[in-house]
Amino acid sequence: MLVREIMTSPAFSVHQEALLTEALNLMAKSKVTCLPVVDDDERVVGVISEADLLKTDLEPDPRAHIRVARQSSGVSPKTVGQVMTAHPHTVREDTDVAELAHTFASTSWKSVPVVRGELLLGVVSRSDVIRALSRSDEEIAAEIYRVLAETGLATWHADVTDGVVHVKGTGSNRERSAVTSIAQSVKGVRHVASEASGG
């Protein structure tokens, strides 16, 4: 699977000079936890997350405190650019989802911008990866058989169990390699094992 096959595009984004309230409202309305931040040329210059927005001072409620609550500093950031995380991690549209899944598993990131050069193409999230992996075995098998038929490899068979594909058929090592590559490229496939029966 490649990122372009599961990403959300176009993506919600916010300008670096936008007010924090704009980012807050967009995040709440679109139900996302992070937004790419762009400049005038739609280049990704940062990301702003829920955690970034929570860093801004909130007025304490005196009803929740026995003692006088701390007072805010009085100097609060106003624009996205003042609280965003600059130079964010990004991925390309042809990035392998397997690599991205490892990145998500080893970090606290929930999503990353997808770029072509520095230009924003979309966003890919942990939820996108989970949705792709949740495809049924029947859907995966149907797509594999369709592509095998289109490429003249219909004599090969694919059995799918819990996203694991076992391909078997009569043919050359080159054909087996091609069938394995086709199966590996299908959305939802977790692993491919191939076995040639002759040829």
Protein backbone atom coordinates (compact mmCIF):
# COMPACT_ATOMS: atom_id res chain seq x y z
CA MET A 1 0.00 0.00 0.00
CA LEU A 2 1.12 3.52 -0.75
CA VAL A 3 0.14 6.63 1.19
CA ARG A 4 -1.70 8.12 -1.80
CA GLU A 5 -4.13 5.18 -1.68
CA ILE A 6 -5.31 5.90 1.86
CA MET A 7 -4.66 9.61 2.49
CA THR A 8 -7.34 12.28 2.82
CA SER A 9 -7.08 14.79 -0.01
CA PRO A 10 -7.65 17.66 -0.19
CA ALA A 11 -6.86 18.20 3.46
CA PHE A 12 -8.06 20.79 5.91
CA SER A 13 -5.27 23.28 6.58
CA VAL A 14 -4.78 26.63 8.23
CA HIS A 15 -2.58 29.62 7.33
CA GLN A 16 0.29 30.49 9.64
CA GLU A 17 -1.13 34.00 10.12
CA ALA A 18 -4.62 32.78 10.97
CA LEU A 19 -6.01 33.49 14.42
CA LEU A 20 -5.98 30.63 16.91
CA THR A 21 -9.77 30.79 17.09
CA GLU A 22 -9.91 29.92 13.39
CA ALA A 23 -7.76 26.83 13.94
CA LEU A 24 -9.80 25.90 17.02
CA ASN A 25 -13.10 26.17 15.16
CA LEU A 26 -11.84 24.30 12.09
CA MET A 27 -10.47 21.49 14.25
CA ALA A 28 -13.75 21.16 16.13
CA LYS A 29 -15.91 21.33 13.00
CA SER A 30 -13.84 18.92 10.92
CA LYS A 31 -13.22 16.54 13.86
CA VAL A 32 -9.47 16.35 13.31
CA THR A 33 -6.77 16.46 15.97
CA CYS A 34 -4.08 18.19 13.94
CA LEU A 35 -3.92 20.62 11.02
CA PRO A 36 -1.13 21.30 8.54
CA VAL A 37 -0.04 24.94 8.61
CA VAL A 38 0.72 26.53 5.23
CA ASP A 39 2.17 29.78 3.92
CA ASP A 40 0.89 31.94 1.06
CA ASP A 41 2.21 29.44 -1.50
CA GLU A 42 0.52 26.42 0.14
CA ARG A 43 3.88 25.12 1.36
CA VAL A 44 3.77 23.21 4.63
CA VAL A 45 5.57 25.24 7.31
CA GLY A 46 4.24 23.53 10.42
CA VAL A 47 1.44 21.65 12.12
CA ILE A 48 -0.89 22.70 14.90
CA SER A 49 -2.39 20.10 17.18
CA GLU A 50 -4.93 19.94 19.96
CA ALA A 51 -2.00 19.89 22.40
CA ASP A 52 -0.64 23.14 20.90
CA LEU A 53 -4.00 24.83 21.38
CA LEU A 54 -4.23 23.62 24.97
CA LYS A 55 -0.96 25.41 25.76
CA THR A 56 -2.75 28.74 25.55
CA ASP A 57 -3.80 30.25 28.87
CA LEU A 58 -7.35 29.58 30.01
CA GLU A 59 -8.91 31.68 32.71
CA PRO A 60 -9.19 29.57 35.88
CA ASP A 61 -12.63 29.05 37.39
CA PRO A 62 -12.53 30.28 41.02
CA ARG A 63 -15.20 27.76 42.00
CA ALA A 64 -12.67 24.95 41.53
CA HIS A 65 -10.03 26.45 43.85
CA ILE A 66 -9.90 26.99 47.61
CA ARG A 67 -7.01 29.38 47.21
CA VAL A 68 -6.83 32.11 44.64
CA ALA A 69 -6.00 30.51 41.34
CA ARG A 70 -2.91 31.53 39.45
CA GLN A 71 -3.36 34.44 37.13
CA SER A 72 -2.62 34.20 33.45
CA SER A 73 0.56 35.80 32.17
CA GLY A 74 -1.47 38.39 30.32
CA VAL A 75 0.48 37.78 27.09
CA SER A 76 -1.34 35.15 25.08
CA PRO A 77 -0.41 34.01 21.58
CA LYS A 78 -2.87 35.10 18.92
CA THR A 79 -1.83 33.42 15.68
CA VAL A 80 -1.28 29.86 14.56
CA GLY A 81 2.35 30.61 13.72
CA GLN A 82 3.05 31.49 17.35
CA VAL A 83 2.10 28.07 18.73
CA MET A 84 2.53 25.65 15.80
CA THR A 85 5.26 23.04 15.60
CA ALA A 86 7.57 24.20 12.82
CA HIS A 87 9.42 21.90 10.40
CA PRO A 88 7.03 18.97 10.88
CA HIS A 89 7.59 15.40 9.78
CA THR A 90 5.98 14.90 6.36
CA VAL A 91 5.62 11.99 3.96
CA ARG A 92 5.42 11.74 0.18
CA GLU A 93 2.46 10.29 -1.67
CA ASP A 94 4.54 7.26 -2.73
CA THR A 95 5.67 6.43 0.83
CA ASP A 96 5.08 2.81 1.83
CA VAL A 97 2.25 2.58 4.39
CA ALA A 98 4.21 -0.19 6.16
CA GLU A 99 6.97 2.32 6.94
CA LEU A 100 4.45 4.92 8.06
CA ALA A 101 2.73 2.40 10.36
CA HIS A 102 6.07 1.82 12.12
CA THR A 103 6.49 5.58 12.50
CA PHE A 104 3.03 5.97 14.00
CA ALA A 105 3.67 3.02 16.34
CA SER A 106 6.90 4.54 17.68
CA THR A 107 5.70 8.14 18.09
CA SER A 108 2.71 9.95 19.55
CA TRP A 109 1.77 11.37 16.14
CA LYS A 110 -1.83 10.90 15.07
CA SER A 111 -1.40 12.24 11.53
CA VAL A 112 1.21 13.69 9.17
CA PRO A 113 0.96 15.98 6.15
CA VAL A 114 1.46 14.45 2.71
CA VAL A 115 3.53 16.65 0.42
CA ARG A 116 4.83 16.84 -3.13
CA GLY A 117 8.02 18.82 -2.72
CA GLU A 118 6.87 21.25 -0.03
CA LEU A 119 3.30 21.62 -1.32
CA LEU A 120 0.45 20.13 0.70
CA LEU A 121 -1.36 17.26 -1.04
CA GLY A 122 -3.25 15.75 1.85
CA VAL A 123 -3.06 14.24 5.31
CA VAL A 124 -2.65 10.63 6.39
CA SER A 125 -3.63 9.52 9.87
CA ARG A 126 -3.41 6.49 12.10
CA SER A 127 -7.14 6.09 11.52
CA ASP A 128 -6.56 5.92 7.75
CA VAL A 129 -4.10 3.05 8.27
CA ILE A 130 -6.50 1.24 10.60
CA ARG A 131 -9.37 1.63 8.11
CA ALA A 132 -7.21 0.19 5.32
CA LEU A 133 -6.23 -2.78 7.47
CA SER A 134 -9.86 -3.44 8.37
CA ARG A 135 -10.86 -4.39 4.80
CA SER A 136 -12.54 -7.78 4.65
CA ASP A 137 -10.70 -10.81 3.31
CA GLU A 138 -13.35 -11.05 0.57
CA GLU A 139 -12.68 -7.48 -0.62
CA ILE A 140 -8.92 -8.08 -0.63
CA ALA A 141 -9.25 -11.38 -2.54
CA ALA A 142 -11.63 -9.86 -5.08
CA GLU A 143 -9.20 -7.03 -5.83
CA ILE A 144 -6.24 -9.40 -6.13
CA TYR A 145 -8.15 -11.66 -8.55
CA ARG A 146 -9.26 -8.66 -10.60
CA VAL A 147 -5.69 -7.40 -11.00
CA LEU A 148 -4.35 -10.90 -11.72
CA ALA A 149 -6.94 -11.30 -14.49
CA GLU A 150 -6.07 -7.89 -15.95
CA THR A 151 -2.36 -8.76 -16.03
CA GLY A 152 -2.71 -12.24 -17.54
CA LEU A 153 -1.95 -14.09 -14.31
CA ALA A 154 -5.39 -15.58 -13.71
CA THR A 155 -3.98 -19.12 -13.27
CA TRP A 156 -2.64 -18.07 -9.87
CA HIS A 157 -4.82 -18.39 -6.77
CA ALA A 158 -5.01 -16.19 -3.67
CA ASP A 159 -6.40 -17.30 -0.33
CA VAL A 160 -6.81 -14.51 2.21
CA THR A 161 -7.16 -15.05 5.96
CA ASP A 162 -7.09 -12.10 8.36
CA GLY A 163 -5.31 -9.97 5.77
CA VAL A 164 -2.59 -12.58 5.14
CA VAL A 165 -2.45 -13.68 1.51
CA HIS A 166 -1.27 -17.11 0.36
CA VAL A 167 -0.72 -17.16 -3.38
CA LYS A 168 -0.20 -20.39 -5.28
CA GLY A 169 0.07 -21.29 -8.90
CA THR A 170 1.94 -22.83 -11.76
CA GLY A 171 4.44 -20.51 -13.32
CA SER A 172 7.95 -19.18 -13.42
CA ASN A 173 9.80 -17.48 -10.59
CA ARG A 174 9.26 -14.22 -12.47
CA GLU A 175 5.50 -14.77 -12.46
CA ARG A 176 5.55 -15.69 -8.78
CA SER A 177 7.43 -12.49 -8.03
CA ALA A 178 4.91 -10.46 -10.05
CA VAL A 179 1.95 -12.07 -8.27
CA THR A 180 3.56 -11.42 -4.88
CA SER A 181 4.14 -7.77 -5.78
CA ILE A 182 0.53 -7.39 -6.92
CA ALA A 183 -0.77 -8.85 -3.66
CA GLN A 184 1.55 -6.67 -1.58
CA SER A 185 0.20 -3.54 -3.28
CA VAL A 186 -3.44 -4.23 -2.41
CA LYS A 187 -4.98 -2.13 0.34
CA GLY A 188 -5.53 -4.14 3.52
CA VAL A 189 -2.89 -6.81 2.90
CA ARG A 190 -0.66 -7.41 5.91
CA HIS A 191 1.60 -10.19 4.63
CA VAL A 192 2.05 -12.29 1.49
CA ALA A 193 3.36 -15.83 1.23
CA SER A 194 3.74 -17.44 -2.18
CA GLU A 195 4.23 -21.01 -3.28
CA ALA A 196 4.81 -22.23 -6.82
CA SER A 197 3.43 -25.62 -7.82
CA GLY A 198 5.62 -26.43 -10.76
CA GLY A 199 6.86 -24.42 -13.71
